[in-house]
Amino acid sequence: MLTALSIRDVVLIERLDLSFGAGLTVLTGETGAGKSILLDSLGLALGARADAGLVRAGADQASV
């Protein structure tokens, strides 16, 4: 079970640390709030191929 996710310098996210409790987690938000970026980051953590376009502008590297 995924208990935490740490994202650094991915697209618009400079720094984000999430903790997940037991049970269902729901992501909601307005258009442009970053839900898809968060899901793309989760995909990277699970082994998806990275793309240089995911690195936040002005950063040298991103990490998940």
PDB file of N, CA and C in Angstrom:
ATOM      1  N   MET A   1       0.835  -1.176   0.000  1.00  0.00           N
ATOM      2  CA  MET A   1       0.000   0.000   0.000  1.00  0.00           C
ATOM      3  C   MET A   1       0.885   1.247   0.000  1.00  0.00           C
ATOM      4  N   LEU A   2       0.519   2.206  -0.801  1.00  0.00           N
ATOM      5  CA  LEU A   2       1.238   3.477  -0.855  1.00  0.00           C
ATOM      6  C   LEU A   2       0.878   4.300   0.374  1.00  0.00           C
ATOM      7  N   THR A   3       1.881   4.722   1.131  1.00  0.00           N
ATOM      8  CA  THR A   3       1.620   5.499   2.341  1.00  0.00           C
ATOM      9  C   THR A   3       2.047   6.946   2.219  1.00  0.00           C
ATOM     10  N   ALA A   4       2.977   7.245   1.285  1.00  0.00           N
ATOM     11  CA  ALA A   4       3.458   8.617   1.133  1.00  0.00           C
ATOM     12  C   ALA A   4       3.975   8.837  -0.282  1.00  0.00           C
ATOM     13  N   LEU A   5       3.948  10.095  -0.705  1.00  0.00           N
ATOM     14  CA  LEU A   5       4.472  10.483  -2.013  1.00  0.00           C
ATOM     15  C   LEU A   5       5.147  11.835  -1.855  1.00  0.00           C
ATOM     16  N   SER A   6       6.383  11.928  -2.297  1.00  0.00           N
ATOM     17  CA  SER A   6       7.155  13.164  -2.222  1.00  0.00           C
ATOM     18  C   SER A   6       7.515  13.600  -3.639  1.00  0.00           C
ATOM     19  N   ILE A   7       7.165  14.830  -3.991  1.00  0.00           N
ATOM     20  CA  ILE A   7       7.385  15.343  -5.346  1.00  0.00           C
ATOM     21  C   ILE A   7       8.213  16.616  -5.262  1.00  0.00           C
ATOM     22  N   ARG A   8       9.256  16.699  -6.092  1.00  0.00           N
ATOM     23  CA  ARG A   8      10.108  17.888  -6.141  1.00  0.00           C
ATOM     24  C   ARG A   8      10.297  18.315  -7.591  1.00  0.00           C
ATOM     25  N   ASP A   9      10.011  19.567  -7.885  1.00  0.00           N
ATOM     26  CA  ASP A   9      10.301  20.198  -9.181  1.00  0.00           C
ATOM     27  C   ASP A   9       9.708  19.461 -10.382  1.00  0.00           C
ATOM     28  N   VAL A  10       8.466  19.044 -10.268  1.00  0.00           N
ATOM     29  CA  VAL A  10       7.747  18.424 -11.380  1.00  0.00           C
ATOM     30  C   VAL A  10       6.714  19.423 -11.896  1.00  0.00           C
ATOM     31  N   VAL A  11       6.857  19.842 -13.129  1.00  0.00           N
ATOM     32  CA  VAL A  11       6.002  20.809 -13.827  1.00  0.00           C
ATOM     33  C   VAL A  11       5.785  22.043 -12.961  1.00  0.00           C
ATOM     34  N   LEU A  12       4.638  22.198 -12.331  1.00  0.00           N
ATOM     35  CA  LEU A  12       4.352  23.381 -11.517  1.00  0.00           C
ATOM     36  C   LEU A  12       4.600  23.161 -10.031  1.00  0.00           C
ATOM     37  N   ILE A  13       4.872  21.922  -9.639  1.00  0.00           N
ATOM     38  CA  ILE A  13       5.036  21.584  -8.222  1.00  0.00           C
ATOM     39  C   ILE A  13       6.496  21.765  -7.820  1.00  0.00           C
ATOM     40  N   GLU A  14       6.739  22.743  -6.940  1.00  0.00           N
ATOM     41  CA  GLU A  14       8.096  22.942  -6.439  1.00  0.00           C
ATOM     42  C   GLU A  14       8.423  21.889  -5.387  1.00  0.00           C
ATOM     43  N   ARG A  15       7.504  21.711  -4.432  1.00  0.00           N
ATOM     44  CA  ARG A  15       7.708  20.723  -3.371  1.00  0.00           C
ATOM     45  C   ARG A  15       6.348  20.308  -2.831  1.00  0.00           C
ATOM     46  N   LEU A  16       6.128  19.007  -2.735  1.00  0.00           N
ATOM     47  CA  LEU A  16       4.868  18.482  -2.207  1.00  0.00           C
ATOM     48  C   LEU A  16       5.137  17.158  -1.514  1.00  0.00           C
ATOM     49  N   ASP A  17       4.697  17.049  -0.270  1.00  0.00           N
ATOM     50  CA  ASP A  17       4.800  15.811   0.497  1.00  0.00           C
ATOM     51  C   ASP A  17       3.393  15.400   0.907  1.00  0.00           C
ATOM     52  N   LEU A  18       2.964  14.235   0.443  1.00  0.00           N
ATOM     53  CA  LEU A  18       1.629  13.728   0.750  1.00  0.00           C
ATOM     54  C   LEU A  18       1.730  12.462   1.578  1.00  0.00           C
ATOM     55  N   SER A  19       0.829  12.316   2.532  1.00  0.00           N
ATOM     56  CA  SER A  19       0.698  11.082   3.305  1.00  0.00           C
ATOM     57  C   SER A  19      -0.696  10.538   3.067  1.00  0.00           C
ATOM     58  N   PHE A  20      -0.790   9.236   2.865  1.00  0.00           N
ATOM     59  CA  PHE A  20      -2.069   8.595   2.600  1.00  0.00           C
ATOM     60  C   PHE A  20      -2.424   7.676   3.759  1.00  0.00           C
ATOM     61  N   GLY A  21      -3.649   7.809   4.254  1.00  0.00           N
ATOM     62  CA  GLY A  21      -4.136   6.927   5.301  1.00  0.00           C
ATOM     63  C   GLY A  21      -4.711   5.663   4.688  1.00  0.00           C
ATOM     64  N   ALA A  22      -5.158   4.773   5.538  1.00  0.00           N
ATOM     65  CA  ALA A  22      -5.798   3.544   5.073  1.00  0.00           C
ATOM     66  C   ALA A  22      -7.128   3.883   4.413  1.00  0.00           C
ATOM     67  N   GLY A  23      -7.506   3.111   3.422  1.00  0.00           N
ATOM     68  CA  GLY A  23      -8.789   3.327   2.763  1.00  0.00           C
ATOM     69  C   GLY A  23      -8.655   4.082   1.459  1.00  0.00           C
ATOM     70  N   LEU A  24      -9.759   4.633   1.023  1.00  0.00           N
ATOM     71  CA  LEU A  24      -9.862   5.307  -0.266  1.00  0.00           C
ATOM     72  C   LEU A  24      -9.352   6.741  -0.191  1.00  0.00           C
ATOM     73  N   THR A  25      -8.577   7.151  -1.182  1.00  0.00           N
ATOM     74  CA  THR A  25      -8.129   8.536  -1.309  1.00  0.00           C
ATOM     75  C   THR A  25      -8.716   9.101  -2.585  1.00  0.00           C
ATOM     76  N   VAL A  26      -9.315  10.289  -2.499  1.00  0.00           N
ATOM     77  CA  VAL A  26      -9.946  10.941  -3.641  1.00  0.00           C
ATOM     78  C   VAL A  26      -9.233  12.255  -3.916  1.00  0.00           C
ATOM     79  N   LEU A  27      -8.896  12.498  -5.193  1.00  0.00           N
ATOM     80  CA  LEU A  27      -8.283  13.760  -5.602  1.00  0.00           C
ATOM     81  C   LEU A  27      -9.345  14.610  -6.283  1.00  0.00           C
ATOM     82  N   THR A  28      -9.576  15.794  -5.765  1.00  0.00           N
ATOM     83  CA  THR A  28     -10.539  16.706  -6.374  1.00  0.00           C
ATOM     84  C   THR A  28      -9.902  18.077  -6.488  1.00  0.00           C
ATOM     85  N   GLY A  29     -10.447  18.908  -7.356  1.00  0.00           N
ATOM     86  CA  GLY A  29      -9.951  20.270  -7.495  1.00  0.00           C
ATOM     87  C   GLY A  29     -10.421  20.883  -8.788  1.00  0.00           C
ATOM     88  N   GLU A  30     -10.253  22.170  -8.879  1.00  0.00           N
ATOM     89  CA  GLU A  30     -10.655  22.905 -10.068  1.00  0.00           C
ATOM     90  C   GLU A  30      -9.736  22.575 -11.236  1.00  0.00           C
ATOM     91  N   THR A  31     -10.163  22.938 -12.421  1.00  0.00           N
ATOM     92  CA  THR A  31      -9.345  22.785 -13.618  1.00  0.00           C
ATOM     93  C   THR A  31      -8.042  23.556 -13.417  1.00  0.00           C
ATOM     94  N   GLY A  32      -6.933  22.916 -13.725  1.00  0.00           N
ATOM     95  CA  GLY A  32      -5.633  23.569 -13.586  1.00  0.00           C
ATOM     96  C   GLY A  32      -5.046  23.512 -12.192  1.00  0.00           C
ATOM     97  N   ALA A  33      -5.673  22.765 -11.292  1.00  0.00           N
ATOM     98  CA  ALA A  33      -5.195  22.697  -9.913  1.00  0.00           C
ATOM     99  C   ALA A  33      -3.994  21.771  -9.742  1.00  0.00           C
ATOM    100  N   GLY A  34      -3.731  20.891 -10.724  1.00  0.00           N
ATOM    101  CA  GLY A  34      -2.563  20.023 -10.651  1.00  0.00           C
ATOM    102  C   GLY A  34      -2.861  18.552 -10.422  1.00  0.00           C
ATOM    103  N   LYS A  35      -4.111  18.145 -10.540  1.00  0.00           N
ATOM    104  CA  LYS A  35      -4.459  16.729 -10.334  1.00  0.00           C
ATOM    105  C   LYS A  35      -3.727  15.822 -11.317  1.00  0.00           C
ATOM    106  N   SER A  36      -3.692  16.190 -12.569  1.00  0.00           N
ATOM    107  CA  SER A  36      -3.017  15.365 -13.583  1.00  0.00           C
ATOM    108  C   SER A  36      -1.515  15.328 -13.352  1.00  0.00           C
ATOM    109  N   ILE A  37      -0.937  16.421 -12.907  1.00  0.00           N
ATOM    110  CA  ILE A  37       0.496  16.448 -12.592  1.00  0.00           C
ATOM    111  C   ILE A  37       0.787  15.474 -11.457  1.00  0.00           C
ATOM    112  N   LEU A  38      -0.079  15.465 -10.458  1.00  0.00           N
ATOM    113  CA  LEU A  38       0.097  14.548  -9.340  1.00  0.00           C
ATOM    114  C   LEU A  38      -0.003  13.099  -9.812  1.00  0.00           C
ATOM    115  N   LEU A  39      -0.956  12.803 -10.685  1.00  0.00           N
ATOM    116  CA  LEU A  39      -1.093  11.443 -11.212  1.00  0.00           C
ATOM    117  C   LEU A  39       0.085  11.068 -12.108  1.00  0.00           C
ATOM    118  N   ASP A  40       0.596  12.012 -12.894  1.00  0.00           N
ATOM    119  CA  ASP A  40       1.795  11.751 -13.700  1.00  0.00           C
ATOM    120  C   ASP A  40       2.981  11.432 -12.792  1.00  0.00           C
ATOM    121  N   SER A  41       3.096  12.155 -11.683  1.00  0.00           N
ATOM    122  CA  SER A  41       4.174  11.907 -10.728  1.00  0.00           C
ATOM    123  C   SER A  41       4.035  10.528 -10.102  1.00  0.00           C
ATOM    124  N   LEU A  42       2.818  10.144  -9.776  1.00  0.00           N
ATOM    125  CA  LEU A  42       2.579   8.806  -9.244  1.00  0.00           C
ATOM    126  C   LEU A  42       2.994   7.751 -10.265  1.00  0.00           C
ATOM    127  N   GLY A  43       2.689   7.995 -11.527  1.00  0.00           N
ATOM    128  CA  GLY A  43       3.111   7.081 -12.587  1.00  0.00           C
ATOM    129  C   GLY A  43       4.621   6.941 -12.642  1.00  0.00           C
ATOM    130  N   LEU A  44       5.337   8.050 -12.475  1.00  0.00           N
ATOM    131  CA  LEU A  44       6.801   7.996 -12.453  1.00  0.00           C
ATOM    132  C   LEU A  44       7.291   7.131 -11.291  1.00  0.00           C
ATOM    133  N   ALA A  45       6.660   7.293 -10.141  1.00  0.00           N
ATOM    134  CA  ALA A  45       7.049   6.500  -8.970  1.00  0.00           C
ATOM    135  C   ALA A  45       6.813   5.011  -9.207  1.00  0.00           C
ATOM    136  N   LEU A  46       5.855   4.697 -10.065  1.00  0.00           N
ATOM    137  CA  LEU A  46       5.528   3.300 -10.350  1.00  0.00           C
ATOM    138  C   LEU A  46       6.265   2.753 -11.563  1.00  0.00           C
ATOM    139  N   GLY A  47       7.180   3.562 -12.148  1.00  0.00           N
ATOM    140  CA  GLY A  47       8.028   3.059 -13.215  1.00  0.00           C
ATOM    141  C   GLY A  47       7.775   3.607 -14.604  1.00  0.00           C
ATOM    142  N   ALA A  48       6.880   4.571 -14.753  1.00  0.00           N
ATOM    143  CA  ALA A  48       6.642   5.166 -16.074  1.00  0.00           C
ATOM    144  C   ALA A  48       7.899   5.897 -16.546  1.00  0.00           C
ATOM    145  N   ARG A  49       8.053   6.002 -17.857  1.00  0.00           N
ATOM    146  CA  ARG A  49       9.210   6.709 -18.413  1.00  0.00           C
ATOM    147  C   ARG A  49       9.094   8.205 -18.147  1.00  0.00           C
ATOM    148  N   ALA A  50      10.203   8.803 -17.778  1.00  0.00           N
ATOM    149  CA  ALA A  50      10.248  10.244 -17.522  1.00  0.00           C
ATOM    150  C   ALA A  50      10.506  10.993 -18.819  1.00  0.00           C
ATOM    151  N   ASP A  51      10.080  12.228 -18.835  1.00  0.00           N
ATOM    152  CA  ASP A  51      10.277  13.111 -19.980  1.00  0.00           C
ATOM    153  C   ASP A  51      10.870  14.411 -19.451  1.00  0.00           C
ATOM    154  N   ALA A  52      11.850  14.973 -20.140  1.00  0.00           N
ATOM    155  CA  ALA A  52      12.497  16.205 -19.685  1.00  0.00           C
ATOM    156  C   ALA A  52      11.498  17.339 -19.521  1.00  0.00           C
ATOM    157  N   GLY A  53      10.380  17.286 -20.238  1.00  0.00           N
ATOM    158  CA  GLY A  53       9.360  18.324 -20.126  1.00  0.00           C
ATOM    159  C   GLY A  53       8.657  18.338 -18.783  1.00  0.00           C
ATOM    160  N   LEU A  54       8.844  17.308 -17.968  1.00  0.00           N
ATOM    161  CA  LEU A  54       8.229  17.271 -16.645  1.00  0.00           C
ATOM    162  C   LEU A  54       9.020  18.045 -15.599  1.00  0.00           C
ATOM    163  N   VAL A  55      10.264  18.406 -15.905  1.00  0.00           N
ATOM    164  CA  VAL A  55      11.095  19.152 -14.956  1.00  0.00           C
ATOM    165  C   VAL A  55      10.625  20.599 -14.923  1.00  0.00           C
ATOM    166  N   ARG A  56      10.381  21.097 -13.712  1.00  0.00           N
ATOM    167  CA  ARG A  56       9.891  22.466 -13.513  1.00  0.00           C
ATOM    168  C   ARG A  56      10.871  23.475 -14.109  1.00  0.00           C
ATOM    169  N   ALA A  57      10.348  24.519 -14.723  1.00  0.00           N
ATOM    170  CA  ALA A  57      11.183  25.570 -15.319  1.00  0.00           C
ATOM    171  C   ALA A  57      12.114  26.153 -14.255  1.00  0.00           C
ATOM    172  N   GLY A  58      13.385  26.258 -14.582  1.00  0.00           N
ATOM    173  CA  GLY A  58      14.380  26.794 -13.671  1.00  0.00           C
ATOM    174  C   GLY A  58      15.054  25.747 -12.801  1.00  0.00           C
ATOM    175  N   ALA A  59      14.560  24.517 -12.824  1.00  0.00           N
ATOM    176  CA  ALA A  59      15.154  23.436 -12.030  1.00  0.00           C
ATOM    177  C   ALA A  59      16.035  22.572 -12.927  1.00  0.00           C
ATOM    178  N   ASP A  60      17.059  21.973 -12.342  1.00  0.00           N
ATOM    179  CA  ASP A  60      17.966  21.097 -13.082  1.00  0.00           C
ATOM    180  C   ASP A  60      17.444  19.671 -13.171  1.00  0.00           C
ATOM    181  N   GLN A  61      16.667  19.263 -12.171  1.00  0.00           N
ATOM    182  CA  GLN A  61      16.154  17.902 -12.139  1.00  0.00           C
ATOM    183  C   GLN A  61      14.872  17.866 -11.322  1.00  0.00           C
ATOM    184  N   ALA A  62      14.136  16.798 -11.468  1.00  0.00           N
ATOM    185  CA  ALA A  62      12.919  16.574 -10.691  1.00  0.00           C
ATOM    186  C   ALA A  62      13.067  15.247  -9.961  1.00  0.00           C
ATOM    187  N   SER A  63      12.311  15.075  -8.886  1.00  0.00           N
ATOM    188  CA  SER A  63      12.341  13.792  -8.181  1.00  0.00           C
ATOM    189  C   SER A  63      10.957  13.463  -7.640  1.00  0.00           C
ATOM    190  N   VAL A  64      10.689  12.165  -7.620  1.00  0.00           N
ATOM    191  CA  VAL A  64       9.426  11.645  -7.073  1.00  0.00           C
ATOM    192  C   VAL A  64       9.780  10.479  -6.180  1.00  0.00           C
TER     193      VAL A  64
END
